[in-house]
Amino acid sequence: MSIYSVVMDTLKPLNIPTFPITKKGDHETYITFFQYDEAVALAADDEEKQTGYFIQVDFWTKDALKYTDLSEKVKNTLTAAGFSKKGAADLYEQDTQIYHKGLRFYYVLKTKNS
């Protein structure tokens, strides 16, 4: 299973359109995510047994009231699934008038051979 599948499966219960890297279609509220780094999390016998992934999850909405609610839902959903939160930033995109939050997480995934 890829880290992209893990993120998609984890966020699916939120019923918010979710896309790796960039949005597709016309949505006012949606989630995008991408991997910004990865590292060996566990090695044994000169083999990588676990990989640590650094993931940024961004959610976007034009609804100011949804913004704070979504922030907690996304954070809680990912942390309940074993993602460790590393940071977050509240943003507002002036040109599109959309609220945007970037959340950064770390997740360890076992390799196929472990």
PDB file of N, CA and C in Angstrom:
ATOM      1  N   MET A   1       0.851  -1.179   0.000  1.00  0.00           N
ATOM      2  CA  MET A   1       0.000   0.000   0.000  1.00  0.00           C
ATOM      3  C   MET A   1       0.891   1.235   0.000  1.00  0.00           C
ATOM      4  N   SER A   2       0.540   2.217  -0.815  1.00  0.00           N
ATOM      5  CA  SER A   2       1.319   3.454  -0.887  1.00  0.00           C
ATOM      6  C   SER A   2       0.829   4.448   0.166  1.00  0.00           C
ATOM      7  N   ILE A   3       1.669   5.407   0.475  1.00  0.00           N
ATOM      8  CA  ILE A   3       1.278   6.449   1.422  1.00  0.00           C
ATOM      9  C   ILE A   3       0.098   7.246   0.884  1.00  0.00           C
ATOM     10  N   TYR A   4       0.011   7.397  -0.441  1.00  0.00           N
ATOM     11  CA  TYR A   4      -1.117   8.126  -1.021  1.00  0.00           C
ATOM     12  C   TYR A   4      -2.429   7.366  -0.778  1.00  0.00           C
ATOM     13  N   SER A   5      -2.403   6.051  -0.874  1.00  0.00           N
ATOM     14  CA  SER A   5      -3.592   5.242  -0.586  1.00  0.00           C
ATOM     15  C   SER A   5      -3.982   5.344   0.884  1.00  0.00           C
ATOM     16  N   VAL A   6      -2.980   5.353   1.750  1.00  0.00           N
ATOM     17  CA  VAL A   6      -3.251   5.465   3.193  1.00  0.00           C
ATOM     18  C   VAL A   6      -3.959   6.783   3.490  1.00  0.00           C
ATOM     19  N   VAL A   7      -3.450   7.880   2.955  1.00  0.00           N
ATOM     20  CA  VAL A   7      -4.066   9.189   3.202  1.00  0.00           C
ATOM     21  C   VAL A   7      -5.483   9.230   2.625  1.00  0.00           C
ATOM     22  N   MET A   8      -5.653   8.776   1.393  1.00  0.00           N
ATOM     23  CA  MET A   8      -6.987   8.781   0.761  1.00  0.00           C
ATOM     24  C   MET A   8      -7.981   7.958   1.586  1.00  0.00           C
ATOM     25  N   ASP A   9      -7.584   6.749   1.987  1.00  0.00           N
ATOM     26  CA  ASP A   9      -8.464   5.877   2.772  1.00  0.00           C
ATOM     27  C   ASP A   9      -8.787   6.488   4.134  1.00  0.00           C
ATOM     28  N   THR A  10      -7.814   7.140   4.743  1.00  0.00           N
ATOM     29  CA  THR A  10      -8.014   7.743   6.065  1.00  0.00           C
ATOM     30  C   THR A  10      -8.992   8.910   6.004  1.00  0.00           C
ATOM     31  N   LEU A  11      -8.887   9.725   4.962  1.00  0.00           N
ATOM     32  CA  LEU A  11      -9.741  10.912   4.862  1.00  0.00           C
ATOM     33  C   LEU A  11     -11.111  10.637   4.227  1.00  0.00           C
ATOM     34  N   LYS A  12     -11.293   9.481   3.617  1.00  0.00           N
ATOM     35  CA  LYS A  12     -12.542   9.149   2.918  1.00  0.00           C
ATOM     36  C   LYS A  12     -13.802   9.331   3.784  1.00  0.00           C
ATOM     37  N   PRO A  13     -13.792   8.920   5.067  1.00  0.00           N
ATOM     38  CA  PRO A  13     -15.007   9.096   5.891  1.00  0.00           C
ATOM     39  C   PRO A  13     -15.460  10.543   6.079  1.00  0.00           C
ATOM     40  N   LEU A  14     -14.601  11.512   5.797  1.00  0.00           N
ATOM     41  CA  LEU A  14     -14.991  12.921   5.942  1.00  0.00           C
ATOM     42  C   LEU A  14     -15.937  13.369   4.827  1.00  0.00           C
ATOM     43  N   ASN A  15     -16.026  12.584   3.752  1.00  0.00           N
ATOM     44  CA  ASN A  15     -16.893  12.916   2.610  1.00  0.00           C
ATOM     45  C   ASN A  15     -16.609  14.296   2.029  1.00  0.00           C
ATOM     46  N   ILE A  16     -15.317  14.611   1.927  1.00  0.00           N
ATOM     47  CA  ILE A  16     -14.864  15.857   1.324  1.00  0.00           C
ATOM     48  C   ILE A  16     -14.003  15.458   0.126  1.00  0.00           C
ATOM     49  N   PRO A  17     -14.227  16.040  -1.043  1.00  0.00           N
ATOM     50  CA  PRO A  17     -13.380  15.690  -2.186  1.00  0.00           C
ATOM     51  C   PRO A  17     -11.900  15.843  -1.813  1.00  0.00           C
ATOM     52  N   THR A  18     -11.122  14.778  -2.043  1.00  0.00           N
ATOM     53  CA  THR A  18      -9.719  14.741  -1.646  1.00  0.00           C
ATOM     54  C   THR A  18      -8.872  14.351  -2.852  1.00  0.00           C
ATOM     55  N   PHE A  19      -7.780  15.097  -3.058  1.00  0.00           N
ATOM     56  CA  PHE A  19      -6.953  14.906  -4.240  1.00  0.00           C
ATOM     57  C   PHE A  19      -5.469  14.906  -3.884  1.00  0.00           C
ATOM     58  N   PRO A  20      -4.708  13.964  -4.445  1.00  0.00           N
ATOM     59  CA  PRO A  20      -3.261  14.064  -4.304  1.00  0.00           C
ATOM     60  C   PRO A  20      -2.734  15.217  -5.162  1.00  0.00           C
ATOM     61  N   ILE A  21      -1.949  16.045  -4.586  1.00  0.00           N
ATOM     62  CA  ILE A  21      -1.206  17.149  -5.191  1.00  0.00           C
ATOM     63  C   ILE A  21      -2.078  18.330  -5.621  1.00  0.00           C
ATOM     64  N   THR A  22      -3.043  18.136  -6.519  1.00  0.00           N
ATOM     65  CA  THR A  22      -3.820  19.277  -7.002  1.00  0.00           C
ATOM     66  C   THR A  22      -5.288  18.918  -7.185  1.00  0.00           C
ATOM     67  N   LYS A  23      -6.138  19.898  -7.037  1.00  0.00           N
ATOM     68  CA  LYS A  23      -7.587  19.725  -7.167  1.00  0.00           C
ATOM     69  C   LYS A  23      -7.974  19.446  -8.615  1.00  0.00           C
ATOM     70  N   LYS A  24      -8.990  18.616  -8.755  1.00  0.00           N
ATOM     71  CA  LYS A  24      -9.595  18.390 -10.071  1.00  0.00           C
ATOM     72  C   LYS A  24     -11.073  18.739  -9.952  1.00  0.00           C
ATOM     73  N   GLY A  25     -11.610  19.411 -10.925  1.00  0.00           N
ATOM     74  CA  GLY A  25     -13.023  19.760 -10.893  1.00  0.00           C
ATOM     75  C   GLY A  25     -13.268  21.083 -10.201  1.00  0.00           C
ATOM     76  N   ASP A  26     -14.555  21.358  -9.992  1.00  0.00           N
ATOM     77  CA  ASP A  26     -14.981  22.627  -9.415  1.00  0.00           C
ATOM     78  C   ASP A  26     -15.607  22.376  -8.047  1.00  0.00           C
ATOM     79  N   HIS A  27     -14.832  22.582  -6.997  1.00  0.00           N
ATOM     80  CA  HIS A  27     -15.296  22.356  -5.624  1.00  0.00           C
ATOM     81  C   HIS A  27     -14.992  23.592  -4.795  1.00  0.00           C
ATOM     82  N   GLU A  28     -15.910  23.976  -3.927  1.00  0.00           N
ATOM     83  CA  GLU A  28     -15.648  25.103  -3.030  1.00  0.00           C
ATOM     84  C   GLU A  28     -14.959  24.656  -1.756  1.00  0.00           C
ATOM     85  N   THR A  29     -15.159  23.394  -1.376  1.00  0.00           N
ATOM     86  CA  THR A  29     -14.495  22.830  -0.203  1.00  0.00           C
ATOM     87  C   THR A  29     -13.840  21.532  -0.644  1.00  0.00           C
ATOM     88  N   TYR A  30     -12.549  21.409  -0.365  1.00  0.00           N
ATOM     89  CA  TYR A  30     -11.831  20.210  -0.789  1.00  0.00           C
ATOM     90  C   TYR A  30     -10.518  20.088  -0.023  1.00  0.00           C
ATOM     91  N   ILE A  31      -9.882  18.932  -0.166  1.00  0.00           N
ATOM     92  CA  ILE A  31      -8.601  18.638   0.480  1.00  0.00           C
ATOM     93  C   ILE A  31      -7.598  18.258  -0.602  1.00  0.00           C
ATOM     94  N   THR A  32      -6.383  18.759  -0.470  1.00  0.00           N
ATOM     95  CA  THR A  32      -5.274  18.292  -1.289  1.00  0.00           C
ATOM     96  C   THR A  32      -4.168  17.839  -0.339  1.00  0.00           C
ATOM     97  N   PHE A  33      -3.303  16.965  -0.819  1.00  0.00           N
ATOM     98  CA  PHE A  33      -2.187  16.523   0.007  1.00  0.00           C
ATOM     99  C   PHE A  33      -1.017  16.121  -0.875  1.00  0.00           C
ATOM    100  N   PHE A  34       0.172  16.132  -0.288  1.00  0.00           N
ATOM    101  CA  PHE A  34       1.361  15.688  -1.000  1.00  0.00           C
ATOM    102  C   PHE A  34       2.418  15.249   0.001  1.00  0.00           C
ATOM    103  N   GLN A  35       3.339  14.438  -0.482  1.00  0.00           N
ATOM    104  CA  GLN A  35       4.480  14.003   0.304  1.00  0.00           C
ATOM    105  C   GLN A  35       5.598  15.005   0.083  1.00  0.00           C
ATOM    106  N   TYR A  36       6.150  15.565   1.156  1.00  0.00           N
ATOM    107  CA  TYR A  36       7.239  16.516   0.973  1.00  0.00           C
ATOM    108  C   TYR A  36       8.590  15.968   1.401  1.00  0.00           C
ATOM    109  N   ASP A  37       8.611  14.785   2.006  1.00  0.00           N
ATOM    110  CA  ASP A  37       9.880  14.135   2.339  1.00  0.00           C
ATOM    111  C   ASP A  37       9.587  12.715   2.791  1.00  0.00           C
ATOM    112  N   GLU A  38      10.621  11.887   2.753  1.00  0.00           N
ATOM    113  CA  GLU A  38      10.543  10.551   3.314  1.00  0.00           C
ATOM    114  C   GLU A  38      11.919  10.158   3.792  1.00  0.00           C
ATOM    115  N   ALA A  39      11.961   9.242   4.757  1.00  0.00           N
ATOM    116  CA  ALA A  39      13.228   8.803   5.321  1.00  0.00           C
ATOM    117  C   ALA A  39      13.065   7.388   5.861  1.00  0.00           C
ATOM    118  N   VAL A  40      14.169   6.700   6.002  1.00  0.00           N
ATOM    119  CA  VAL A  40      14.144   5.378   6.611  1.00  0.00           C
ATOM    120  C   VAL A  40      13.745   5.561   8.077  1.00  0.00           C
ATOM    121  N   ALA A  41      12.707   4.860   8.505  1.00  0.00           N
ATOM    122  CA  ALA A  41      12.276   4.926   9.895  1.00  0.00           C
ATOM    123  C   ALA A  41      12.840   3.759  10.704  1.00  0.00           C
ATOM    124  N   LEU A  42      13.082   2.629  10.017  1.00  0.00           N
ATOM    125  CA  LEU A  42      13.646   1.460  10.676  1.00  0.00           C
ATOM    126  C   LEU A  42      14.379   0.626   9.638  1.00  0.00           C
ATOM    127  N   ALA A  43      15.618   0.289   9.956  1.00  0.00           N
ATOM    128  CA  ALA A  43      16.407  -0.572   9.079  1.00  0.00           C
ATOM    129  C   ALA A  43      16.953  -1.731   9.915  1.00  0.00           C
ATOM    130  N   ALA A  44      17.005  -2.918   9.298  1.00  0.00           N
ATOM    131  CA  ALA A  44      17.566  -4.105   9.945  1.00  0.00           C
ATOM    132  C   ALA A  44      18.210  -4.957   8.863  1.00  0.00           C
ATOM    133  N   ASP A  45      19.351  -5.515   9.174  1.00  0.00           N
ATOM    134  CA  ASP A  45      20.071  -6.359   8.216  1.00  0.00           C
ATOM    135  C   ASP A  45      20.273  -5.641   6.886  1.00  0.00           C
ATOM    136  N   ASP A  46      20.627  -4.373   6.953  1.00  0.00           N
ATOM    137  CA  ASP A  46      20.875  -3.544   5.773  1.00  0.00           C
ATOM    138  C   ASP A  46      19.660  -3.418   4.850  1.00  0.00           C
ATOM    139  N   GLU A  47      18.468  -3.571   5.399  1.00  0.00           N
ATOM    140  CA  GLU A  47      17.237  -3.408   4.617  1.00  0.00           C
ATOM    141  C   GLU A  47      16.306  -2.433   5.312  1.00  0.00           C
ATOM    142  N   GLU A  48      15.629  -1.639   4.505  1.00  0.00           N
ATOM    143  CA  GLU A  48      14.628  -0.716   5.042  1.00  0.00           C
ATOM    144  C   GLU A  48      13.380  -1.510   5.401  1.00  0.00           C
ATOM    145  N   LYS A  49      13.012  -1.475   6.665  1.00  0.00           N
ATOM    146  CA  LYS A  49      11.832  -2.209   7.144  1.00  0.00           C
ATOM    147  C   LYS A  49      10.618  -1.298   7.284  1.00  0.00           C
ATOM    148  N   GLN A  50      10.873  -0.023   7.591  1.00  0.00           N
ATOM    149  CA  GLN A  50       9.795   0.955   7.727  1.00  0.00           C
ATOM    150  C   GLN A  50      10.255   2.279   7.122  1.00  0.00           C
ATOM    151  N   THR A  51       9.319   2.945   6.466  1.00  0.00           N
ATOM    152  CA  THR A  51       9.597   4.244   5.865  1.00  0.00           C
ATOM    153  C   THR A  51       8.758   5.303   6.571  1.00  0.00           C
ATOM    154  N   GLY A  52       9.396   6.406   6.907  1.00  0.00           N
ATOM    155  CA  GLY A  52       8.685   7.530   7.501  1.00  0.00           C
ATOM    156  C   GLY A  52       8.362   8.549   6.419  1.00  0.00           C
ATOM    157  N   TYR A  53       7.104   8.922   6.325  1.00  0.00           N
ATOM    158  CA  TYR A  53       6.655   9.876   5.307  1.00  0.00           C
ATOM    159  C   TYR A  53       6.225  11.179   5.958  1.00  0.00           C
ATOM    160  N   PHE A  54       6.660  12.269   5.389  1.00  0.00           N
ATOM    161  CA  PHE A  54       6.242  13.600   5.803  1.00  0.00           C
ATOM    162  C   PHE A  54       5.205  14.059   4.787  1.00  0.00           C
ATOM    163  N   ILE A  55       4.006  14.318   5.262  1.00  0.00           N
ATOM    164  CA  ILE A  55       2.866  14.616   4.399  1.00  0.00           C
ATOM    165  C   ILE A  55       2.296  15.983   4.772  1.00  0.00           C
ATOM    166  N   GLN A  56       1.974  16.771   3.759  1.00  0.00           N
ATOM    167  CA  GLN A  56       1.231  18.006   4.008  1.00  0.00           C
ATOM    168  C   GLN A  56      -0.180  17.822   3.487  1.00  0.00           C
ATOM    169  N   VAL A  57      -1.148  18.096   4.346  1.00  0.00           N
ATOM    170  CA  VAL A  57      -2.566  18.020   4.001  1.00  0.00           C
ATOM    171  C   VAL A  57      -3.108  19.441   4.060  1.00  0.00           C
ATOM    172  N   ASP A  58      -3.666  19.897   2.953  1.00  0.00           N
ATOM    173  CA  ASP A  58      -4.234  21.239   2.879  1.00  0.00           C
ATOM    174  C   ASP A  58      -5.733  21.123   2.664  1.00  0.00           C
ATOM    175  N   PHE A  59      -6.507  21.881   3.413  1.00  0.00           N
ATOM    176  CA  PHE A  59      -7.927  21.936   3.083  1.00  0.00           C
ATOM    177  C   PHE A  59      -8.280  23.365   2.743  1.00  0.00           C
ATOM    178  N   TRP A  60      -9.263  23.468   1.893  1.00  0.00           N
ATOM    179  CA  TRP A  60      -9.648  24.730   1.271  1.00  0.00           C
ATOM    180  C   TRP A  60     -11.154  24.882   1.347  1.00  0.00           C
ATOM    181  N   THR A  61     -11.618  26.063   1.712  1.00  0.00           N
ATOM    182  CA  THR A  61     -13.053  26.327   1.729  1.00  0.00           C
ATOM    183  C   THR A  61     -13.309  27.827   1.641  1.00  0.00           C
ATOM    184  N   LYS A  62     -14.420  28.174   1.045  1.00  0.00           N
ATOM    185  CA  LYS A  62     -14.833  29.584   0.991  1.00  0.00           C
ATOM    186  C   LYS A  62     -15.743  29.928   2.163  1.00  0.00           C
ATOM    187  N   ASP A  63     -16.111  28.929   2.939  1.00  0.00           N
ATOM    188  CA  ASP A  63     -17.030  29.096   4.064  1.00  0.00           C
ATOM    189  C   ASP A  63     -16.235  29.250   5.364  1.00  0.00           C
ATOM    190  N   ALA A  64     -16.246  30.446   5.937  1.00  0.00           N
ATOM    191  CA  ALA A  64     -15.485  30.720   7.160  1.00  0.00           C
ATOM    192  C   ALA A  64     -15.924  29.843   8.328  1.00  0.00           C
ATOM    193  N   LEU A  65     -17.212  29.496   8.394  1.00  0.00           N
ATOM    194  CA  LEU A  65     -17.692  28.654   9.487  1.00  0.00           C
ATOM    195  C   LEU A  65     -17.215  27.211   9.347  1.00  0.00           C
ATOM    196  N   LYS A  66     -17.128  26.715   8.124  1.00  0.00           N
ATOM    197  CA  LYS A  66     -16.622  25.360   7.891  1.00  0.00           C
ATOM    198  C   LYS A  66     -15.131  25.263   8.213  1.00  0.00           C
ATOM    199  N   TYR A  67     -14.435  26.359   8.067  1.00  0.00           N
ATOM    200  CA  TYR A  67     -12.985  26.364   8.202  1.00  0.00           C
ATOM    201  C   TYR A  67     -12.518  25.808   9.546  1.00  0.00           C
ATOM    202  N   THR A  68     -13.057  26.326  10.634  1.00  0.00           N
ATOM    203  CA  THR A  68     -12.611  25.862  11.949  1.00  0.00           C
ATOM    204  C   THR A  68     -13.064  24.434  12.223  1.00  0.00           C
ATOM    205  N   ASP A  69     -14.262  24.088  11.785  1.00  0.00           N
ATOM    206  CA  ASP A  69     -14.765  22.727  11.961  1.00  0.00           C
ATOM    207  C   ASP A  69     -13.905  21.726  11.190  1.00  0.00           C
ATOM    208  N   LEU A  70     -13.583  22.062   9.945  1.00  0.00           N
ATOM    209  CA  LEU A  70     -12.748  21.177   9.118  1.00  0.00           C
ATOM    210  C   LEU A  70     -11.360  21.002   9.706  1.00  0.00           C
ATOM    211  N   SER A  71     -10.831  22.056  10.265  1.00  0.00           N
ATOM    212  CA  SER A  71      -9.504  21.984  10.862  1.00  0.00           C
ATOM    213  C   SER A  71      -9.439  20.879  11.904  1.00  0.00           C
ATOM    214  N   GLU A  72     -10.410  20.853  12.789  1.00  0.00           N
ATOM    215  CA  GLU A  72     -10.437  19.831  13.842  1.00  0.00           C
ATOM    216  C   GLU A  72     -10.724  18.442  13.277  1.00  0.00           C
ATOM    217  N   LYS A  73     -11.654  18.346  12.334  1.00  0.00           N
ATOM    218  CA  LYS A  73     -11.989  17.041  11.758  1.00  0.00           C
ATOM    219  C   LYS A  73     -10.807  16.408  11.038  1.00  0.00           C
ATOM    220  N   VAL A  74     -10.117  17.181  10.222  1.00  0.00           N
ATOM    221  CA  VAL A  74      -8.968  16.648   9.481  1.00  0.00           C
ATOM    222  C   VAL A  74      -7.874  16.228  10.458  1.00  0.00           C
ATOM    223  N   LYS A  75      -7.539  17.113  11.397  1.00  0.00           N
ATOM    224  CA  LYS A  75      -6.491  16.813  12.382  1.00  0.00           C
ATOM    225  C   LYS A  75      -6.843  15.573  13.194  1.00  0.00           C
ATOM    226  N   ASN A  76      -8.055  15.505  13.722  1.00  0.00           N
ATOM    227  CA  ASN A  76      -8.455  14.379  14.559  1.00  0.00           C
ATOM    228  C   ASN A  76      -8.512  13.065  13.781  1.00  0.00           C
ATOM    229  N   THR A  77      -8.981  13.115  12.547  1.00  0.00           N
ATOM    230  CA  THR A  77      -9.065  11.908  11.721  1.00  0.00           C
ATOM    231  C   THR A  77      -7.675  11.338  11.458  1.00  0.00           C
ATOM    232  N   LEU A  78      -6.745  12.196  11.101  1.00  0.00           N
ATOM    233  CA  LEU A  78      -5.396  11.725  10.799  1.00  0.00           C
ATOM    234  C   LEU A  78      -4.649  11.259  12.053  1.00  0.00           C
ATOM    235  N   THR A  79      -4.763  11.989  13.144  1.00  0.00           N
ATOM    236  CA  THR A  79      -4.054  11.558  14.354  1.00  0.00           C
ATOM    237  C   THR A  79      -4.634  10.264  14.910  1.00  0.00           C
ATOM    238  N   ALA A  80      -5.941  10.068  14.785  1.00  0.00           N
ATOM    239  CA  ALA A  80      -6.558   8.811  15.234  1.00  0.00           C
ATOM    240  C   ALA A  80      -6.061   7.620  14.415  1.00  0.00           C
ATOM    241  N   ALA A  81      -5.619   7.873  13.189  1.00  0.00           N
ATOM    242  CA  ALA A  81      -5.121   6.810  12.308  1.00  0.00           C
ATOM    243  C   ALA A  81      -3.612   6.607  12.441  1.00  0.00           C
ATOM    244  N   GLY A  82      -2.980   7.307  13.370  1.00  0.00           N
ATOM    245  CA  GLY A  82      -1.561   7.094  13.611  1.00  0.00           C
ATOM    246  C   GLY A  82      -0.623   8.127  13.013  1.00  0.00           C
ATOM    247  N   PHE A  83      -1.160   9.176  12.416  1.00  0.00           N
ATOM    248  CA  PHE A  83      -0.329  10.259  11.904  1.00  0.00           C
ATOM    249  C   PHE A  83       0.055  11.173  13.069  1.00  0.00           C
ATOM    250  N   SER A  84       1.297  11.619  13.104  1.00  0.00           N
ATOM    251  CA  SER A  84       1.761  12.553  14.131  1.00  0.00           C
ATOM    252  C   SER A  84       1.802  13.954  13.537  1.00  0.00           C
ATOM    253  N   LYS A  85       1.088  14.882  14.161  1.00  0.00           N
ATOM    254  CA  LYS A  85       1.060  16.252  13.647  1.00  0.00           C
ATOM    255  C   LYS A  85       2.391  16.936  13.931  1.00  0.00           C
ATOM    256  N   LYS A  86       2.928  17.601  12.917  1.00  0.00           N
ATOM    257  CA  LYS A  86       4.208  18.294  13.036  1.00  0.00           C
ATOM    258  C   LYS A  86       4.071  19.804  12.981  1.00  0.00           C
ATOM    259  N   GLY A  87       2.960  20.300  12.455  1.00  0.00           N
ATOM    260  CA  GLY A  87       2.784  21.739  12.369  1.00  0.00           C
ATOM    261  C   GLY A  87       1.540  22.087  11.585  1.00  0.00           C
ATOM    262  N   ALA A  88       1.164  23.368  11.647  1.00  0.00           N
ATOM    263  CA  ALA A  88      -0.024  23.830  10.939  1.00  0.00           C
ATOM    264  C   ALA A  88       0.084  25.328  10.701  1.00  0.00           C
ATOM    265  N   ALA A  89      -0.575  25.776   9.626  1.00  0.00           N
ATOM    266  CA  ALA A  89      -0.583  27.208   9.318  1.00  0.00           C
ATOM    267  C   ALA A  89      -1.962  27.599   8.796  1.00  0.00           C
ATOM    268  N   ASP A  90      -2.519  28.661   9.375  1.00  0.00           N
ATOM    269  CA  ASP A  90      -3.771  29.239   8.878  1.00  0.00           C
ATOM    270  C   ASP A  90      -3.429  30.249   7.795  1.00  0.00           C
ATOM    271  N   LEU A  91      -4.101  30.122   6.658  1.00  0.00           N
ATOM    272  CA  LEU A  91      -3.824  30.996   5.522  1.00  0.00           C
ATOM    273  C   LEU A  91      -5.127  31.477   4.907  1.00  0.00           C
ATOM    274  N   TYR A  92      -5.052  32.575   4.202  1.00  0.00           N
ATOM    275  CA  TYR A  92      -6.192  33.067   3.433  1.00  0.00           C
ATOM    276  C   TYR A  92      -5.667  33.517   2.087  1.00  0.00           C
ATOM    277  N   GLU A  93      -6.230  32.961   1.034  1.00  0.00           N
ATOM    278  CA  GLU A  93      -5.786  33.284  -0.321  1.00  0.00           C
ATOM    279  C   GLU A  93      -6.613  34.463  -0.837  1.00  0.00           C
ATOM    280  N   GLN A  94      -6.009  35.636  -0.871  1.00  0.00           N
ATOM    281  CA  GLN A  94      -6.715  36.860  -1.260  1.00  0.00           C
ATOM    282  C   GLN A  94      -7.273  36.798  -2.685  1.00  0.00           C
ATOM    283  N   ASP A  95      -6.478  36.292  -3.618  1.00  0.00           N
ATOM    284  CA  ASP A  95      -6.896  36.318  -5.023  1.00  0.00           C
ATOM    285  C   ASP A  95      -8.128  35.458  -5.298  1.00  0.00           C
ATOM    286  N   THR A  96      -8.279  34.347  -4.572  1.00  0.00           N
ATOM    287  CA  THR A  96      -9.446  33.470  -4.775  1.00  0.00           C
ATOM    288  C   THR A  96     -10.457  33.573  -3.633  1.00  0.00           C
ATOM    289  N   GLN A  97     -10.120  34.327  -2.601  1.00  0.00           N
ATOM    290  CA  GLN A  97     -10.958  34.492  -1.415  1.00  0.00           C
ATOM    291  C   GLN A  97     -11.347  33.146  -0.811  1.00  0.00           C
ATOM    292  N   ILE A  98     -10.326  32.330  -0.575  1.00  0.00           N
ATOM    293  CA  ILE A  98     -10.558  31.002  -0.001  1.00  0.00           C
ATOM    294  C   ILE A  98      -9.705  30.830   1.253  1.00  0.00           C
ATOM    295  N   TYR A  99     -10.315  30.245   2.274  1.00  0.00           N
ATOM    296  CA  TYR A  99      -9.597  29.910   3.496  1.00  0.00           C
ATOM    297  C   TYR A  99      -8.808  28.642   3.224  1.00  0.00           C
ATOM    298  N   HIS A 100      -7.596  28.581   3.750  1.00  0.00           N
ATOM    299  CA  HIS A 100      -6.678  27.495   3.442  1.00  0.00           C
ATOM    300  C   HIS A 100      -5.882  27.183   4.702  1.00  0.00           C
ATOM    301  N   LYS A 101      -5.826  25.914   5.053  1.00  0.00           N
ATOM    302  CA  LYS A 101      -5.006  25.502   6.189  1.00  0.00           C
ATOM    303  C   LYS A 101      -4.076  24.401   5.730  1.00  0.00           C
ATOM    304  N   GLY A 102      -2.812  24.555   6.049  1.00  0.00           N
ATOM    305  CA  GLY A 102      -1.818  23.528   5.767  1.00  0.00           C
ATOM    306  C   GLY A 102      -1.454  22.816   7.053  1.00  0.00           C
ATOM    307  N   LEU A 103      -1.609  21.504   7.054  1.00  0.00           N
ATOM    308  CA  LEU A 103      -1.270  20.686   8.214  1.00  0.00           C
ATOM    309  C   LEU A 103      -0.168  19.717   7.809  1.00  0.00           C
ATOM    310  N   ARG A 104       0.859  19.621   8.613  1.00  0.00           N
ATOM    311  CA  ARG A 104       1.953  18.701   8.309  1.00  0.00           C
ATOM    312  C   ARG A 104       1.965  17.554   9.305  1.00  0.00           C
ATOM    313  N   PHE A 105       2.170  16.343   8.752  1.00  0.00           N
ATOM    314  CA  PHE A 105       2.134  15.119   9.535  1.00  0.00           C
ATOM    315  C   PHE A 105       3.305  14.211   9.183  1.00  0.00           C
ATOM    316  N   TYR A 106       3.583  13.287  10.098  1.00  0.00           N
ATOM    317  CA  TYR A 106       4.576  12.233   9.891  1.00  0.00           C
ATOM    318  C   TYR A 106       3.862  10.908  10.080  1.00  0.00           C
ATOM    319  N   TYR A 107       4.155   9.953   9.195  1.00  0.00           N
ATOM    320  CA  TYR A 107       3.508   8.641   9.273  1.00  0.00           C
ATOM    321  C   TYR A 107       4.529   7.576   8.900  1.00  0.00           C
ATOM    322  N   VAL A 108       4.553   6.482   9.654  1.00  0.00           N
ATOM    323  CA  VAL A 108       5.475   5.372   9.392  1.00  0.00           C
ATOM    324  C   VAL A 108       4.689   4.229   8.749  1.00  0.00           C
ATOM    325  N   LEU A 109       5.228   3.758   7.640  1.00  0.00           N
ATOM    326  CA  LEU A 109       4.603   2.676   6.880  1.00  0.00           C
ATOM    327  C   LEU A 109       5.619   1.541   6.737  1.00  0.00           C
ATOM    328  N   LYS A 110       5.183   0.335   7.058  1.00  0.00           N
ATOM    329  CA  LYS A 110       6.061  -0.824   6.900  1.00  0.00           C
ATOM    330  C   LYS A 110       6.281  -1.107   5.428  1.00  0.00           C
ATOM    331  N   THR A 111       7.471  -1.558   5.090  1.00  0.00           N
ATOM    332  CA  THR A 111       7.734  -1.933   3.704  1.00  0.00           C
ATOM    333  C   THR A 111       7.127  -3.305   3.426  1.00  0.00           C
ATOM    334  N   LYS A 112       7.040  -3.677   2.179  1.00  0.00           N
ATOM    335  CA  LYS A 112       6.432  -4.950   1.783  1.00  0.00           C
ATOM    336  C   LYS A 112       7.168  -6.138   2.374  1.00  0.00           C
ATOM    337  N   ASN A 113       8.458  -6.007   2.605  1.00  0.00           N
ATOM    338  CA  ASN A 113       9.277  -7.137   3.060  1.00  0.00           C
ATOM    339  C   ASN A 113       9.326  -7.287   4.569  1.00  0.00           C
ATOM    340  N   SER A 114       8.696  -6.391   5.315  1.00  0.00           N
ATOM    341  CA  SER A 114       8.825  -6.478   6.784  1.00  0.00           C
ATOM    342  C   SER A 114       7.624  -7.135   7.419  1.00  0.00           C
TER     343      SER A 114
END
